[in-house]
Structures are given as C-alpha cells and as structure tokens.
PDB file of all heavy atoms in Angstrom:
ATOM      1  N   GLY A   1       9.987   5.132   0.532  1.00  0.00           N
ATOM      2  CA  GLY A   1       9.730   6.136   1.552  1.00  0.00           C
ATOM      3  C   GLY A   1       8.763   5.751   2.640  1.00  0.00           C
ATOM      4  O   GLY A   1       8.288   6.605   3.384  1.00  0.00           O
ATOM      5  N   HIS A   2       8.458   4.461   2.779  1.00  0.00           N
ATOM      6  CA  HIS A   2       7.579   4.035   3.869  1.00  0.00           C
ATOM      7  C   HIS A   2       8.257   4.319   5.207  1.00  0.00           C
ATOM      8  O   HIS A   2       9.472   4.130   5.349  1.00  0.00           O
ATOM      9  CB  HIS A   2       7.267   2.547   3.738  1.00  0.00           C
ATOM     10  CG  HIS A   2       6.184   2.077   4.651  1.00  0.00           C
ATOM     11  ND1 HIS A   2       6.417   1.748   5.959  1.00  0.00           N
ATOM     12  CD2 HIS A   2       4.850   1.896   4.450  1.00  0.00           C
ATOM     13  CE1 HIS A   2       5.282   1.366   6.524  1.00  0.00           C
ATOM     14  NE2 HIS A   2       4.327   1.456   5.633  1.00  0.00           N
ATOM     15  N   PRO A   3       7.494   4.760   6.209  1.00  0.00           N
ATOM     16  CA  PRO A   3       8.117   5.125   7.497  1.00  0.00           C
ATOM     17  C   PRO A   3       8.830   3.988   8.199  1.00  0.00           C
ATOM     18  O   PRO A   3       9.691   4.232   9.055  1.00  0.00           O
ATOM     19  CB  PRO A   3       6.944   5.652   8.336  1.00  0.00           C
ATOM     20  CG  PRO A   3       5.709   5.178   7.642  1.00  0.00           C
ATOM     21  CD  PRO A   3       6.053   5.082   6.193  1.00  0.00           C
ATOM     22  N   ALA A   4       8.517   2.732   7.870  1.00  0.00           N
ATOM     23  CA  ALA A   4       9.222   1.610   8.487  1.00  0.00           C
ATOM     24  C   ALA A   4      10.575   1.348   7.836  1.00  0.00           C
ATOM     25  O   ALA A   4      11.372   0.577   8.355  1.00  0.00           O
ATOM     26  CB  ALA A   4       8.365   0.345   8.409  1.00  0.00           C
ATOM     27  N   ASN A   5      10.833   2.001   6.703  1.00  0.00           N
ATOM     28  CA  ASN A   5      12.047   1.770   5.927  1.00  0.00           C
ATOM     29  C   ASN A   5      13.025   2.926   6.110  1.00  0.00           C
ATOM     30  O   ASN A   5      12.639   4.034   6.472  1.00  0.00           O
ATOM     31  CB  ASN A   5      11.666   1.617   4.445  1.00  0.00           C
ATOM     32  CG  ASN A   5      12.838   1.295   3.558  1.00  0.00           C
ATOM     33  OD1 ASN A   5      13.426   2.178   2.955  1.00  0.00           O
ATOM     34  ND2 ASN A   5      13.192   0.021   3.473  1.00  0.00           N
ATOM     35  N   PHE A   6      14.300   2.674   5.830  1.00  0.00           N
ATOM     36  CA  PHE A   6      15.317   3.718   5.978  1.00  0.00           C
ATOM     37  C   PHE A   6      14.951   4.969   5.189  1.00  0.00           C
ATOM     38  O   PHE A   6      15.209   6.102   5.625  1.00  0.00           O
ATOM     39  CB  PHE A   6      16.685   3.194   5.532  1.00  0.00           C
ATOM     40  CG  PHE A   6      16.883   3.166   4.034  1.00  0.00           C
ATOM     41  CD1 PHE A   6      17.458   4.255   3.380  1.00  0.00           C
ATOM     42  CD2 PHE A   6      16.483   2.075   3.281  1.00  0.00           C
ATOM     43  CE1 PHE A   6      17.625   4.242   2.002  1.00  0.00           C
ATOM     44  CE2 PHE A   6      16.649   2.059   1.910  1.00  0.00           C
ATOM     45  CZ  PHE A   6      17.222   3.143   1.266  1.00  0.00           C
ATOM     46  N   ALA A   7      14.345   4.801   4.009  1.00  0.00           N
ATOM     47  CA  ALA A   7      14.031   5.953   3.173  1.00  0.00           C
ATOM     48  C   ALA A   7      13.025   6.873   3.854  1.00  0.00           C
ATOM     49  O   ALA A   7      13.149   8.102   3.803  1.00  0.00           O
ATOM     50  CB  ALA A   7      13.493   5.490   1.821  1.00  0.00           C
ATOM     51  N   GLY A   8      12.041   6.272   4.510  1.00  0.00           N
ATOM     52  CA  GLY A   8      11.061   7.074   5.220  1.00  0.00           C
ATOM     53  C   GLY A   8      11.604   7.701   6.481  1.00  0.00           C
ATOM     54  O   GLY A   8      11.062   8.701   6.977  1.00  0.00           O
ATOM     55  N   GLN A   9      12.672   7.124   7.005  1.00  0.00           N
ATOM     56  CA  GLN A   9      13.273   7.645   8.234  1.00  0.00           C
ATOM     57  C   GLN A   9      14.316   8.724   7.952  1.00  0.00           C
ATOM     58  O   GLN A   9      14.534   9.613   8.778  1.00  0.00           O
ATOM     59  CB  GLN A   9      13.901   6.490   9.021  1.00  0.00           C
ATOM     60  CG  GLN A   9      12.880   5.477   9.503  1.00  0.00           C
ATOM     61  CD  GLN A   9      13.501   4.180  10.000  1.00  0.00           C
ATOM     62  OE1 GLN A   9      14.703   4.127  10.239  1.00  0.00           O
ATOM     63  NE2 GLN A   9      12.693   3.138  10.130  1.00  0.00           N
ATOM     64  N   LEU A  10      14.959   8.675   6.793  1.00  0.00           N
ATOM     65  CA  LEU A  10      16.005   9.642   6.457  1.00  0.00           C
ATOM     66  C   LEU A  10      15.489  10.853   5.704  1.00  0.00           C
ATOM     67  O   LEU A  10      16.086  11.936   5.768  1.00  0.00           O
ATOM     68  CB  LEU A  10      17.090   8.976   5.615  1.00  0.00           C
ATOM     69  CG  LEU A  10      18.062   8.031   6.316  1.00  0.00           C
ATOM     70  CD1 LEU A  10      19.047   7.466   5.309  1.00  0.00           C
ATOM     71  CD2 LEU A  10      18.819   8.756   7.428  1.00  0.00           C
ATOM     72  N   TYR A  11      14.388  10.682   4.977  1.00  0.00           N
ATOM     73  CA  TYR A  11      13.943  11.733   4.076  1.00  0.00           C
ATOM     74  C   TYR A  11      12.525  12.190   4.412  1.00  0.00           C
ATOM     75  O   TYR A  11      11.751  11.476   5.063  1.00  0.00           O
ATOM     76  CB  TYR A  11      14.019  11.243   2.625  1.00  0.00           C
ATOM     77  CG  TYR A  11      15.411  10.759   2.260  1.00  0.00           C
ATOM     78  CD1 TYR A  11      15.676   9.399   2.103  1.00  0.00           C
ATOM     79  CD2 TYR A  11      16.461  11.663   2.106  1.00  0.00           C
ATOM     80  CE1 TYR A  11      16.952   8.955   1.808  1.00  0.00           C
ATOM     81  CE2 TYR A  11      17.739  11.221   1.802  1.00  0.00           C
ATOM     82  CZ  TYR A  11      17.984   9.870   1.655  1.00  0.00           C
ATOM     83  OH  TYR A  11      19.251   9.433   1.368  1.00  0.00           O
ATOM     84  N   ASP A  12      12.196  13.382   3.946  1.00  0.00           N
ATOM     85  CA  ASP A  12      10.857  13.951   4.096  1.00  0.00           C
ATOM     86  C   ASP A  12      10.036  13.453   2.912  1.00  0.00           C
ATOM     87  O   ASP A  12      10.297  13.841   1.767  1.00  0.00           O
ATOM     88  CB  ASP A  12      10.949  15.475   4.117  1.00  0.00           C
ATOM     89  CG  ASP A  12       9.599  16.159   4.282  1.00  0.00           C
ATOM     90  OD1 ASP A  12       8.598  15.452   4.550  1.00  0.00           O
ATOM     91  OD2 ASP A  12       9.551  17.398   4.143  1.00  0.00           O
ATOM     92  N   VAL A  13       9.058  12.606   3.168  1.00  0.00           N
ATOM     93  CA  VAL A  13       8.369  11.895   2.088  1.00  0.00           C
ATOM     94  C   VAL A  13       6.903  12.326   1.983  1.00  0.00           C
ATOM     95  O   VAL A  13       6.175  12.356   2.977  1.00  0.00           O
ATOM     96  CB  VAL A  13       8.437  10.370   2.302  1.00  0.00           C
ATOM     97  CG1 VAL A  13       7.706   9.646   1.171  1.00  0.00           C
ATOM     98  CG2 VAL A  13       9.896   9.908   2.379  1.00  0.00           C
ATOM     99  N   GLU A  14       6.512  12.661   0.779  1.00  0.00           N
ATOM    100  CA  GLU A  14       5.103  12.890   0.430  1.00  0.00           C
ATOM    101  C   GLU A  14       4.737  11.838  -0.611  1.00  0.00           C
ATOM    102  O   GLU A  14       5.588  11.417  -1.405  1.00  0.00           O
ATOM    103  CB  GLU A  14       4.901  14.286  -0.136  1.00  0.00           C
ATOM    104  CG  GLU A  14       3.466  14.627  -0.504  1.00  0.00           C
ATOM    105  CD  GLU A  14       2.556  14.761   0.702  1.00  0.00           C
ATOM    106  OE1 GLU A  14       3.041  15.173   1.779  1.00  0.00           O
ATOM    107  OE2 GLU A  14       1.355  14.452   0.570  1.00  0.00           O
ATOM    108  N   GLN A  15       3.464  11.421  -0.619  1.00  0.00           N
ATOM    109  CA  GLN A  15       3.116  10.336  -1.529  1.00  0.00           C
ATOM    110  C   GLN A  15       1.912  10.684  -2.392  1.00  0.00           C
ATOM    111  O   GLN A  15       1.015  11.405  -1.985  1.00  0.00           O
ATOM    112  CB  GLN A  15       2.868   9.050  -0.734  1.00  0.00           C
ATOM    113  CG  GLN A  15       4.118   8.665   0.089  1.00  0.00           C
ATOM    114  CD  GLN A  15       4.187   7.218   0.451  1.00  0.00           C
ATOM    115  OE1 GLN A  15       3.391   6.742   1.227  1.00  0.00           O
ATOM    116  NE2 GLN A  15       5.172   6.510  -0.104  1.00  0.00           N
ATOM    117  N   TYR A  16       1.961  10.182  -3.620  1.00  0.00           N
ATOM    118  CA  TYR A  16       0.827  10.318  -4.529  1.00  0.00           C
ATOM    119  C   TYR A  16       0.096   8.977  -4.594  1.00  0.00           C
ATOM    120  O   TYR A  16       0.566   7.965  -4.050  1.00  0.00           O
ATOM    121  CB  TYR A  16       1.283  10.799  -5.911  1.00  0.00           C
ATOM    122  CG  TYR A  16       2.351   9.976  -6.599  1.00  0.00           C
ATOM    123  CD1 TYR A  16       2.027   8.989  -7.521  1.00  0.00           C
ATOM    124  CD2 TYR A  16       3.712  10.227  -6.365  1.00  0.00           C
ATOM    125  CE1 TYR A  16       3.001   8.255  -8.178  1.00  0.00           C
ATOM    126  CE2 TYR A  16       4.704   9.509  -7.024  1.00  0.00           C
ATOM    127  CZ  TYR A  16       4.341   8.525  -7.924  1.00  0.00           C
ATOM    128  OH  TYR A  16       5.307   7.800  -8.566  1.00  0.00           O
ATOM    129  N   GLU A  17      -1.064   8.958  -5.235  1.00  0.00           N
ATOM    130  CA  GLU A  17      -1.908   7.770  -5.276  1.00  0.00           C
ATOM    131  C   GLU A  17      -2.418   7.539  -6.692  1.00  0.00           C
ATOM    132  O   GLU A  17      -2.325   8.425  -7.548  1.00  0.00           O
ATOM    133  CB  GLU A  17      -3.104   7.928  -4.312  1.00  0.00           C
ATOM    134  CG  GLU A  17      -2.715   8.114  -2.861  1.00  0.00           C
ATOM    135  CD  GLU A  17      -3.909   8.303  -1.937  1.00  0.00           C
ATOM    136  OE1 GLU A  17      -5.029   8.524  -2.453  1.00  0.00           O
ATOM    137  OE2 GLU A  17      -3.728   8.220  -0.702  1.00  0.00           O
ATOM    138  N   VAL A  18      -2.957   6.348  -6.916  1.00  0.00           N
ATOM    139  CA  VAL A  18      -3.637   6.099  -8.182  1.00  0.00           C
ATOM    140  C   VAL A  18      -5.046   6.671  -8.105  1.00  0.00           C
ATOM    141  O   VAL A  18      -5.585   6.911  -7.018  1.00  0.00           O
ATOM    142  CB  VAL A  18      -3.698   4.592  -8.519  1.00  0.00           C
ATOM    143  CG1 VAL A  18      -2.308   4.012  -8.664  1.00  0.00           C
ATOM    144  CG2 VAL A  18      -4.501   3.819  -7.468  1.00  0.00           C
ATOM    145  N   ASP A  19      -5.626   6.907  -9.254  1.00  0.00           N
ATOM    146  CA  ASP A  19      -6.999   7.402  -9.312  1.00  0.00           C
ATOM    147  C   ASP A  19      -7.939   6.344  -8.733  1.00  0.00           C
ATOM    148  O   ASP A  19      -7.914   5.185  -9.167  1.00  0.00           O
ATOM    149  CB  ASP A  19      -7.383   7.694 -10.765  1.00  0.00           C
ATOM    150  CG  ASP A  19      -8.753   8.314 -10.902  1.00  0.00           C
ATOM    151  OD1 ASP A  19      -9.752   7.616 -10.612  1.00  0.00           O
ATOM    152  OD2 ASP A  19      -8.823   9.482 -11.300  1.00  0.00           O
ATOM    153  N   PRO A  20      -8.781   6.700  -7.737  1.00  0.00           N
ATOM    154  CA  PRO A  20      -9.629   5.688  -7.104  1.00  0.00           C
ATOM    155  C   PRO A  20     -10.665   5.081  -8.043  1.00  0.00           C
ATOM    156  O   PRO A  20     -11.128   3.962  -7.815  1.00  0.00           O
ATOM    157  CB  PRO A  20     -10.301   6.457  -5.957  1.00  0.00           C
ATOM    158  CG  PRO A  20     -10.222   7.892  -6.364  1.00  0.00           C
ATOM    159  CD  PRO A  20      -8.955   8.027  -7.131  1.00  0.00           C
ATOM    160  N   GLU A  21     -11.017   5.792  -9.099  1.00  0.00           N
ATOM    161  CA  GLU A  21     -12.025   5.284 -10.035  1.00  0.00           C
ATOM    162  C   GLU A  21     -11.420   4.335 -11.060  1.00  0.00           C
ATOM    163  O   GLU A  21     -12.016   3.316 -11.415  1.00  0.00           O
ATOM    164  CB  GLU A  21     -12.708   6.454 -10.753  1.00  0.00           C
ATOM    165  CG  GLU A  21     -13.472   7.381  -9.832  1.00  0.00           C
ATOM    166  CD  GLU A  21     -14.631   6.665  -9.139  1.00  0.00           C
ATOM    167  OE1 GLU A  21     -15.278   5.819  -9.776  1.00  0.00           O
ATOM    168  OE2 GLU A  21     -14.854   6.944  -7.940  1.00  0.00           O
ATOM    169  N   THR A  22     -10.231   4.657 -11.539  1.00  0.00           N
ATOM    170  CA  THR A  22      -9.645   3.873 -12.625  1.00  0.00           C
ATOM    171  C   THR A  22      -8.565   2.906 -12.156  1.00  0.00           C
ATOM    172  O   THR A  22      -8.226   1.965 -12.885  1.00  0.00           O
ATOM    173  CB  THR A  22      -9.015   4.804 -13.680  1.00  0.00           C
ATOM    174  OG1 THR A  22      -7.906   5.506 -13.074  1.00  0.00           O
ATOM    175  CG2 THR A  22     -10.044   5.811 -14.185  1.00  0.00           C
ATOM    176  N   GLY A  23      -7.995   3.145 -10.970  1.00  0.00           N
ATOM    177  CA  GLY A  23      -6.866   2.337 -10.511  1.00  0.00           C
ATOM    178  C   GLY A  23      -5.586   2.627 -11.257  1.00  0.00           C
ATOM    179  O   GLY A  23      -4.600   1.898 -11.129  1.00  0.00           O
ATOM    180  N   ARG A  24      -5.571   3.715 -12.026  1.00  0.00           N
ATOM    181  CA  ARG A  24      -4.391   4.078 -12.811  1.00  0.00           C
ATOM    182  C   ARG A  24      -3.741   5.340 -12.262  1.00  0.00           C
ATOM    183  O   ARG A  24      -4.383   6.131 -11.568  1.00  0.00           O
ATOM    184  CB  ARG A  24      -4.772   4.304 -14.284  1.00  0.00           C
ATOM    185  CG  ARG A  24      -5.250   3.038 -14.996  1.00  0.00           C
ATOM    186  CD  ARG A  24      -5.771   3.389 -16.384  1.00  0.00           C
ATOM    187  NE  ARG A  24      -6.261   2.226 -17.101  1.00  0.00           N
ATOM    188  CZ  ARG A  24      -5.600   1.598 -18.071  1.00  0.00           C
ATOM    189  NH1 ARG A  24      -4.399   2.022 -18.438  1.00  0.00           N
ATOM    190  NH2 ARG A  24      -6.128   0.556 -18.688  1.00  0.00           N
TER     191      ARG A  24
END
C-alpha cells in the first residue's frame, strides 16, 4: 500500500507500526 505502488494508488490505505520501544 505504499503511495508509489499500484496498491497505494488503487486503494485507501491506513498503516500500523511496530512498538517503538520493543520493535515488535
């Protein structure tokens, strides 16, 4: 879903992240 990729251009994408303290 990156905006430079077809997925980011065709779909409405929200993203989650890893925990900044644990990296998990």
